[in-house]
Amino acid sequence: MVRDSLNRTVVPSPKPNQSQAPEEPAGPEQNRESTEPTKSRLDLLQWSKLNLEEEPESWCQVTGADDENLPTHLRPFSSAAEYKLVKHTYLQLQQSGYYWGSMTMEEAHEILTQASLGTFLIRDSGQRDVFFTLSYQSDDGPTSVRIQLNNLHFNLYGSHRTFASLFTLLTYYTGSSCKLTVPYRKQRPECLKQICRRALIRTYGAENISTLPGLSNQDKDYVHVYPHCI
């Protein structure tokens, strides 16, 4: 279980002389994944026989025997709305700098081992019915928590607090009363234009960027592809 303040942790890194616990409950699919090299995993772009650059109308629900033939461990979309939401989230995560894509729990925890308390990243989940996982540095060391998507709302595993957006979820958990602090970005140091984008959003609000004088249409488009302060 995970409280809304992240006071309780889920799947911390093992302490010396303890065996590594799995990120998520073990099962046939989990065991299969653990024996395959990371490079063999398919990017989120390829799962469910869909390409996220396609139009939302191209989604399809796959059930029964067809589900076993999907070229990925991830479940198919349940609706066109879910397809659209995951596609939109994925494309914005690509611009965030702290989305690491396909990565094992062990790799994420190794990266976070020397990070400051509360540092976090987002990666693809290894669980069959989950799209993304939050990994962060907790009081007990690197920890991973599944980000669940049900009825078009995101929540952390063990929490009943739901959010219409993954970024709203992260904004809440990076608040003063919670444990997350700063994202661990792949590019270090970060690009100046990304820093400026967040500064503009923090100062003026994403909804007002289109009316700001002095910004070219190209600049405004760049801001809008990731309209978040995280």
C-alpha atoms as a PDB file:
ATOM      1  CA  MET A   1       0.000   0.000   0.000  1.00  0.00           C
ATOM      2  CA  VAL A   2       1.090   3.583  -0.648  1.00  0.00           C
ATOM      3  CA  ARG A   3      -0.282   6.523   1.255  1.00  0.00           C
ATOM      4  CA  ASP A   4      -0.990   9.723  -0.645  1.00  0.00           C
ATOM      5  CA  SER A   5       2.039  11.307   1.004  1.00  0.00           C
ATOM      6  CA  LEU A   6       4.264   8.394  -0.103  1.00  0.00           C
ATOM      7  CA  ASN A   7       5.137   7.814   3.542  1.00  0.00           C
ATOM      8  CA  ARG A   8       4.998   4.078   2.988  1.00  0.00           C
ATOM      9  CA  THR A   9       7.125   2.619   0.275  1.00  0.00           C
ATOM     10  CA  VAL A  10       6.672  -0.112  -2.262  1.00  0.00           C
ATOM     11  CA  VAL A  11       9.455  -2.365  -3.502  1.00  0.00           C
ATOM     12  CA  PRO A  12      12.533  -0.637  -2.055  1.00  0.00           C
ATOM     13  CA  SER A  13      15.971  -1.819  -3.086  1.00  0.00           C
ATOM     14  CA  PRO A  14      17.076  -4.738  -0.936  1.00  0.00           C
ATOM     15  CA  LYS A  15      19.421  -4.192   1.947  1.00  0.00           C
ATOM     16  CA  PRO A  16      22.737  -6.135   2.042  1.00  0.00           C
ATOM     17  CA  ASN A  17      22.383  -9.923   2.277  1.00  0.00           C
ATOM     18  CA  GLN A  18      18.704  -9.753   1.290  1.00  0.00           C
ATOM     19  CA  SER A  19      17.364 -11.138  -1.953  1.00  0.00           C
ATOM     20  CA  GLN A  20      15.893  -8.720  -4.507  1.00  0.00           C
ATOM     21  CA  ALA A  21      12.101  -8.597  -4.337  1.00  0.00           C
ATOM     22  CA  PRO A  22      10.237  -8.291  -7.649  1.00  0.00           C
ATOM     23  CA  GLU A  23       8.783  -4.921  -8.545  1.00  0.00           C
ATOM     24  CA  GLU A  24       5.349  -6.420  -8.962  1.00  0.00           C
ATOM     25  CA  PRO A  25       3.645  -9.724  -8.043  1.00  0.00           C
ATOM     26  CA  ALA A  26       5.311 -12.562  -9.879  1.00  0.00           C
ATOM     27  CA  GLY A  27       3.326 -14.545 -12.412  1.00  0.00           C
ATOM     28  CA  PRO A  28       3.856 -16.316 -15.719  1.00  0.00           C
ATOM     29  CA  GLU A  29       4.208 -13.040 -17.601  1.00  0.00           C
ATOM     30  CA  GLN A  30       6.479 -11.481 -14.970  1.00  0.00           C
ATOM     31  CA  ASN A  31       8.732 -14.526 -14.889  1.00  0.00           C
ATOM     32  CA  ARG A  32       9.009 -14.578 -18.647  1.00  0.00           C
ATOM     33  CA  GLU A  33      10.004 -10.941 -18.768  1.00  0.00           C
ATOM     34  CA  SER A  34      12.715 -11.337 -16.153  1.00  0.00           C
ATOM     35  CA  THR A  35      14.561 -13.872 -18.326  1.00  0.00           C
ATOM     36  CA  GLU A  36      14.640 -11.675 -21.419  1.00  0.00           C
ATOM     37  CA  PRO A  37      17.263  -8.995 -22.091  1.00  0.00           C
ATOM     38  CA  THR A  38      16.113  -5.398 -21.829  1.00  0.00           C
ATOM     39  CA  LYS A  39      16.966  -4.681 -25.457  1.00  0.00           C
ATOM     40  CA  SER A  40      14.337  -7.212 -26.576  1.00  0.00           C
ATOM     41  CA  ARG A  41      11.488  -5.234 -25.058  1.00  0.00           C
ATOM     42  CA  LEU A  42       9.364  -3.292 -27.472  1.00  0.00           C
ATOM     43  CA  ASP A  43       9.038   0.433 -27.168  1.00  0.00           C
ATOM     44  CA  LEU A  44       5.603   1.754 -26.175  1.00  0.00           C
ATOM     45  CA  LEU A  45       5.295   2.991 -29.767  1.00  0.00           C
ATOM     46  CA  GLN A  46       5.090  -0.600 -30.999  1.00  0.00           C
ATOM     47  CA  TRP A  47       2.811  -2.261 -28.482  1.00  0.00           C
ATOM     48  CA  SER A  48      -0.723  -3.450 -29.132  1.00  0.00           C
ATOM     49  CA  LYS A  49       0.018  -3.662 -32.888  1.00  0.00           C
ATOM     50  CA  LEU A  50      -0.475   0.105 -33.034  1.00  0.00           C
ATOM     51  CA  ASN A  51       1.696   3.096 -33.758  1.00  0.00           C
ATOM     52  CA  LEU A  52       1.066   6.051 -31.471  1.00  0.00           C
ATOM     53  CA  GLU A  53       1.538   8.404 -34.404  1.00  0.00           C
ATOM     54  CA  GLU A  54      -1.664   7.048 -35.936  1.00  0.00           C
ATOM     55  CA  GLU A  55      -5.008   8.699 -35.473  1.00  0.00           C
ATOM     56  CA  PRO A  56      -7.127   7.700 -32.440  1.00  0.00           C
ATOM     57  CA  GLU A  57      -9.660   6.051 -34.734  1.00  0.00           C
ATOM     58  CA  SER A  58      -7.093   3.329 -35.467  1.00  0.00           C
ATOM     59  CA  TRP A  59      -7.299   1.818 -31.973  1.00  0.00           C
ATOM     60  CA  CYS A  60      -8.729  -1.648 -31.665  1.00  0.00           C
ATOM     61  CA  GLN A  61      -9.733  -3.822 -28.769  1.00  0.00           C
ATOM     62  CA  VAL A  62      -8.053  -7.215 -28.727  1.00  0.00           C
ATOM     63  CA  THR A  63      -9.361  -9.960 -26.493  1.00  0.00           C
ATOM     64  CA  GLY A  64      -9.180 -13.700 -26.001  1.00  0.00           C
ATOM     65  CA  ALA A  65      -6.753 -15.651 -28.142  1.00  0.00           C
ATOM     66  CA  ASP A  66      -5.680 -12.538 -30.063  1.00  0.00           C
ATOM     67  CA  ASP A  67      -4.339 -11.088 -26.830  1.00  0.00           C
ATOM     68  CA  GLU A  68      -1.728 -13.847 -26.653  1.00  0.00           C
ATOM     69  CA  ASN A  69      -0.366 -12.918 -30.087  1.00  0.00           C
ATOM     70  CA  LEU A  70       0.403  -9.289 -29.306  1.00  0.00           C
ATOM     71  CA  PRO A  71       4.102  -8.417 -29.852  1.00  0.00           C
ATOM     72  CA  THR A  72       4.426  -6.976 -26.329  1.00  0.00           C
ATOM     73  CA  HIS A  73       3.796  -7.731 -22.673  1.00  0.00           C
ATOM     74  CA  LEU A  74       1.423  -4.752 -22.346  1.00  0.00           C
ATOM     75  CA  ARG A  75      -2.326  -5.138 -22.505  1.00  0.00           C
ATOM     76  CA  PRO A  76      -4.289  -3.718 -25.461  1.00  0.00           C
ATOM     77  CA  PHE A  77      -6.282  -0.515 -25.201  1.00  0.00           C
ATOM     78  CA  SER A  78      -9.756  -0.874 -23.781  1.00  0.00           C
ATOM     79  CA  SER A  79     -11.271   2.058 -25.677  1.00  0.00           C
ATOM     80  CA  ALA A  80     -10.549   4.837 -28.154  1.00  0.00           C
ATOM     81  CA  ALA A  81     -10.509   7.316 -25.257  1.00  0.00           C
ATOM     82  CA  GLU A  82      -7.851   5.299 -23.437  1.00  0.00           C
ATOM     83  CA  TYR A  83      -5.798   5.102 -26.626  1.00  0.00           C
ATOM     84  CA  LYS A  84      -5.974   8.876 -27.018  1.00  0.00           C
ATOM     85  CA  LEU A  85      -5.063   9.500 -23.364  1.00  0.00           C
ATOM     86  CA  VAL A  86      -2.072   7.158 -23.374  1.00  0.00           C
ATOM     87  CA  LYS A  87      -0.848   8.518 -26.698  1.00  0.00           C
ATOM     88  CA  HIS A  88      -1.094  12.101 -25.419  1.00  0.00           C
ATOM     89  CA  THR A  89       0.666  11.183 -22.167  1.00  0.00           C
ATOM     90  CA  TYR A  90       3.411   9.303 -23.982  1.00  0.00           C
ATOM     91  CA  LEU A  91       4.138  12.158 -26.400  1.00  0.00           C
ATOM     92  CA  GLN A  92       4.387  14.660 -23.549  1.00  0.00           C
ATOM     93  CA  LEU A  93       6.586  12.312 -21.528  1.00  0.00           C
ATOM     94  CA  GLN A  94       8.944  12.228 -24.505  1.00  0.00           C
ATOM     95  CA  GLN A  95       9.444  15.974 -23.990  1.00  0.00           C
ATOM     96  CA  SER A  96       9.816  15.820 -20.204  1.00  0.00           C
ATOM     97  CA  GLY A  97      13.399  14.649 -19.949  1.00  0.00           C
ATOM     98  CA  TYR A  98      12.643  12.318 -17.008  1.00  0.00           C
ATOM     99  CA  TYR A  99      10.952   9.545 -18.996  1.00  0.00           C
ATOM    100  CA  TRP A 100      13.420   6.681 -19.479  1.00  0.00           C
ATOM    101  CA  GLY A 101      11.269   4.352 -21.573  1.00  0.00           C
ATOM    102  CA  SER A 102      12.098   0.654 -21.371  1.00  0.00           C
ATOM    103  CA  MET A 103      14.145   0.119 -18.224  1.00  0.00           C
ATOM    104  CA  THR A 104      14.208  -2.601 -15.586  1.00  0.00           C
ATOM    105  CA  MET A 105      13.611  -1.944 -11.916  1.00  0.00           C
ATOM    106  CA  GLU A 106      17.234  -2.824 -11.191  1.00  0.00           C
ATOM    107  CA  GLU A 107      18.520  -0.317 -13.743  1.00  0.00           C
ATOM    108  CA  ALA A 108      16.285   2.452 -12.384  1.00  0.00           C
ATOM    109  CA  HIS A 109      17.275   1.762  -8.784  1.00  0.00           C
ATOM    110  CA  GLU A 110      20.964   1.761  -9.684  1.00  0.00           C
ATOM    111  CA  ILE A 111      20.612   5.195 -11.285  1.00  0.00           C
ATOM    112  CA  LEU A 112      18.766   6.562  -8.244  1.00  0.00           C
ATOM    113  CA  THR A 113      21.085   5.052  -5.617  1.00  0.00           C
ATOM    114  CA  GLN A 114      23.255   8.153  -5.350  1.00  0.00           C
ATOM    115  CA  ALA A 115      20.443  10.643  -5.987  1.00  0.00           C
ATOM    116  CA  SER A 116      19.065  12.953  -3.332  1.00  0.00           C
ATOM    117  CA  LEU A 117      15.946  12.048  -1.356  1.00  0.00           C
ATOM    118  CA  GLY A 118      12.766  12.403  -3.422  1.00  0.00           C
ATOM    119  CA  THR A 119      14.454  12.297  -6.843  1.00  0.00           C
ATOM    120  CA  PHE A 120      12.259  10.399  -9.311  1.00  0.00           C
ATOM    121  CA  LEU A 121      11.884   9.191 -12.881  1.00  0.00           C
ATOM    122  CA  ILE A 122       9.165   7.600 -15.017  1.00  0.00           C
ATOM    123  CA  ARG A 123       9.750   4.403 -16.985  1.00  0.00           C
ATOM    124  CA  ASP A 124       7.767   1.732 -18.789  1.00  0.00           C
ATOM    125  CA  SER A 125       6.315  -0.833 -16.425  1.00  0.00           C
ATOM    126  CA  GLY A 126       7.263  -4.474 -16.569  1.00  0.00           C
ATOM    127  CA  GLN A 127       3.758  -5.439 -15.425  1.00  0.00           C
ATOM    128  CA  ARG A 128       1.386  -6.761 -18.088  1.00  0.00           C
ATOM    129  CA  ASP A 129      -1.573  -4.557 -17.190  1.00  0.00           C
ATOM    130  CA  VAL A 130       0.337  -1.336 -16.363  1.00  0.00           C
ATOM    131  CA  PHE A 131       1.751   1.285 -18.728  1.00  0.00           C
ATOM    132  CA  PHE A 132       4.123   3.288 -16.505  1.00  0.00           C
ATOM    133  CA  THR A 133       6.047   2.999 -13.239  1.00  0.00           C
ATOM    134  CA  LEU A 134       7.322   5.692 -10.882  1.00  0.00           C
ATOM    135  CA  SER A 135      10.797   5.024  -9.441  1.00  0.00           C
ATOM    136  CA  TYR A 136      12.106   7.356  -6.744  1.00  0.00           C
ATOM    137  CA  GLN A 137      14.637   7.678  -3.921  1.00  0.00           C
ATOM    138  CA  SER A 138      12.833   7.091  -0.629  1.00  0.00           C
ATOM    139  CA  ASP A 139      13.919   7.007   3.001  1.00  0.00           C
ATOM    140  CA  ASP A 140      14.520   3.278   2.542  1.00  0.00           C
ATOM    141  CA  GLY A 141      16.414   3.632  -0.729  1.00  0.00           C
ATOM    142  CA  PRO A 142      15.300   3.423  -4.370  1.00  0.00           C
ATOM    143  CA  THR A 143      11.652   2.385  -4.649  1.00  0.00           C
ATOM    144  CA  SER A 144       9.260   1.628  -7.513  1.00  0.00           C
ATOM    145  CA  VAL A 145       5.494   2.104  -7.557  1.00  0.00           C
ATOM    146  CA  ARG A 146       3.138   1.191 -10.378  1.00  0.00           C
ATOM    147  CA  ILE A 147       1.115   3.995 -11.972  1.00  0.00           C
ATOM    148  CA  GLN A 148      -2.287   2.481 -12.663  1.00  0.00           C
ATOM    149  CA  LEU A 149      -4.797   3.651 -15.260  1.00  0.00           C
ATOM    150  CA  ASN A 150      -8.453   2.853 -14.623  1.00  0.00           C
ATOM    151  CA  ASN A 151     -11.489   4.579 -16.106  1.00  0.00           C
ATOM    152  CA  LEU A 152      -9.230   7.191 -17.728  1.00  0.00           C
ATOM    153  CA  HIS A 153      -7.710   8.206 -14.377  1.00  0.00           C
ATOM    154  CA  PHE A 154      -4.207   7.610 -13.043  1.00  0.00           C
ATOM    155  CA  ASN A 155      -3.310   6.582  -9.508  1.00  0.00           C
ATOM    156  CA  LEU A 156      -0.367   5.106  -7.629  1.00  0.00           C
ATOM    157  CA  TYR A 157      -0.749   1.495  -6.618  1.00  0.00           C
ATOM    158  CA  GLY A 158      -2.271   1.344  -3.136  1.00  0.00           C
ATOM    159  CA  SER A 159      -3.729   4.850  -3.264  1.00  0.00           C
ATOM    160  CA  HIS A 160      -7.373   5.734  -3.887  1.00  0.00           C
ATOM    161  CA  ARG A 161      -6.484   9.279  -4.972  1.00  0.00           C
ATOM    162  CA  THR A 162      -6.958   9.533  -8.744  1.00  0.00           C
ATOM    163  CA  PHE A 163      -5.945  12.107 -11.347  1.00  0.00           C
ATOM    164  CA  ALA A 164      -7.132  12.839 -14.873  1.00  0.00           C
ATOM    165  CA  SER A 165      -3.520  13.368 -15.980  1.00  0.00           C
ATOM    166  CA  LEU A 166      -0.218  11.703 -15.141  1.00  0.00           C
ATOM    167  CA  PHE A 167       1.312  15.155 -14.826  1.00  0.00           C
ATOM    168  CA  THR A 168      -1.378  16.257 -12.388  1.00  0.00           C
ATOM    169  CA  LEU A 169      -0.476  13.196 -10.343  1.00  0.00           C
ATOM    170  CA  LEU A 170       3.203  14.161 -10.375  1.00  0.00           C
ATOM    171  CA  THR A 171       2.375  17.758  -9.499  1.00  0.00           C
ATOM    172  CA  TYR A 172       0.455  16.560  -6.451  1.00  0.00           C
ATOM    173  CA  TYR A 173       3.183  14.207  -5.251  1.00  0.00           C
ATOM    174  CA  THR A 174       5.873  16.846  -5.714  1.00  0.00           C
ATOM    175  CA  GLY A 175       3.908  19.185  -3.447  1.00  0.00           C
ATOM    176  CA  SER A 176       5.243  20.322  -0.105  1.00  0.00           C
ATOM    177  CA  SER A 177       3.381  17.640   1.854  1.00  0.00           C
ATOM    178  CA  CYS A 178       4.699  14.729  -0.241  1.00  0.00           C
ATOM    179  CA  LYS A 179       8.003  13.000  -0.771  1.00  0.00           C
ATOM    180  CA  LEU A 180       8.878  13.572  -4.444  1.00  0.00           C
ATOM    181  CA  THR A 181      11.234  16.473  -5.114  1.00  0.00           C
ATOM    182  CA  VAL A 182      13.008  16.756  -8.472  1.00  0.00           C
ATOM    183  CA  PRO A 183      12.992  14.586 -11.602  1.00  0.00           C
ATOM    184  CA  TYR A 184      16.085  12.702 -12.678  1.00  0.00           C
ATOM    185  CA  ARG A 185      16.506  13.749 -16.299  1.00  0.00           C
ATOM    186  CA  LYS A 186      18.364  11.785 -18.952  1.00  0.00           C
ATOM    187  CA  GLN A 187      20.173  14.876 -20.199  1.00  0.00           C
ATOM    188  CA  ARG A 188      22.454  16.347 -17.557  1.00  0.00           C
ATOM    189  CA  PRO A 189      22.874  19.278 -17.616  1.00  0.00           C
ATOM    190  CA  GLU A 190      19.477  20.032 -19.088  1.00  0.00           C
ATOM    191  CA  CYS A 191      19.030  22.096 -22.250  1.00  0.00           C
ATOM    192  CA  LEU A 192      18.563  25.812 -21.613  1.00  0.00           C
ATOM    193  CA  LYS A 193      15.470  25.933 -23.837  1.00  0.00           C
ATOM    194  CA  GLN A 194      13.762  23.300 -21.680  1.00  0.00           C
ATOM    195  CA  ILE A 195      14.535  25.310 -18.551  1.00  0.00           C
ATOM    196  CA  CYS A 196      13.158  28.441 -20.220  1.00  0.00           C
ATOM    197  CA  ARG A 197       9.992  26.604 -21.268  1.00  0.00           C
ATOM    198  CA  ARG A 198       9.208  25.643 -17.676  1.00  0.00           C
ATOM    199  CA  ALA A 199      10.006  29.161 -16.495  1.00  0.00           C
ATOM    200  CA  LEU A 200       7.519  30.615 -18.990  1.00  0.00           C
ATOM    201  CA  ILE A 201       4.801  28.194 -17.900  1.00  0.00           C
ATOM    202  CA  ARG A 202       5.502  28.806 -14.217  1.00  0.00           C
ATOM    203  CA  THR A 203       5.385  32.586 -14.704  1.00  0.00           C
ATOM    204  CA  TYR A 204       2.519  33.041 -17.156  1.00  0.00           C
ATOM    205  CA  GLY A 205       0.593  29.760 -17.136  1.00  0.00           C
ATOM    206  CA  ALA A 206       0.307  27.401 -20.105  1.00  0.00           C
ATOM    207  CA  GLU A 207      -3.122  28.775 -20.990  1.00  0.00           C
ATOM    208  CA  ASN A 208      -1.663  32.265 -21.574  1.00  0.00           C
ATOM    209  CA  ILE A 209       1.343  31.352 -23.711  1.00  0.00           C
ATOM    210  CA  SER A 210      -0.539  31.835 -26.990  1.00  0.00           C
ATOM    211  CA  THR A 211      -1.238  35.493 -26.184  1.00  0.00           C
ATOM    212  CA  LEU A 212       2.256  36.444 -25.013  1.00  0.00           C
ATOM    213  CA  PRO A 213       3.872  39.143 -27.182  1.00  0.00           C
ATOM    214  CA  GLY A 214       7.387  38.601 -28.465  1.00  0.00           C
ATOM    215  CA  LEU A 215       7.119  34.835 -28.851  1.00  0.00           C
ATOM    216  CA  SER A 216       7.193  33.327 -32.326  1.00  0.00           C
ATOM    217  CA  ASN A 217       4.680  30.663 -33.313  1.00  0.00           C
ATOM    218  CA  GLN A 218       7.535  28.177 -33.240  1.00  0.00           C
ATOM    219  CA  ASP A 219       8.347  29.122 -29.642  1.00  0.00           C
ATOM    220  CA  LYS A 220       4.694  28.829 -28.629  1.00  0.00           C
ATOM    221  CA  ASP A 221       4.428  25.412 -30.262  1.00  0.00           C
ATOM    222  CA  TYR A 222       7.519  24.280 -28.386  1.00  0.00           C
ATOM    223  CA  VAL A 223       6.014  25.355 -25.079  1.00  0.00           C
ATOM    224  CA  HIS A 224       2.687  23.673 -25.784  1.00  0.00           C
ATOM    225  CA  VAL A 225       4.177  20.227 -26.483  1.00  0.00           C
ATOM    226  CA  TYR A 226       5.058  20.022 -22.772  1.00  0.00           C
ATOM    227  CA  PRO A 227       2.943  22.578 -20.864  1.00  0.00           C
ATOM    228  CA  HIS A 228       4.033  21.495 -17.366  1.00  0.00           C
ATOM    229  CA  CYS A 229       6.360  22.902 -14.696  1.00  0.00           C
ATOM    230  CA  ILE A 230       7.791  19.556 -13.622  1.00  0.00           C
END
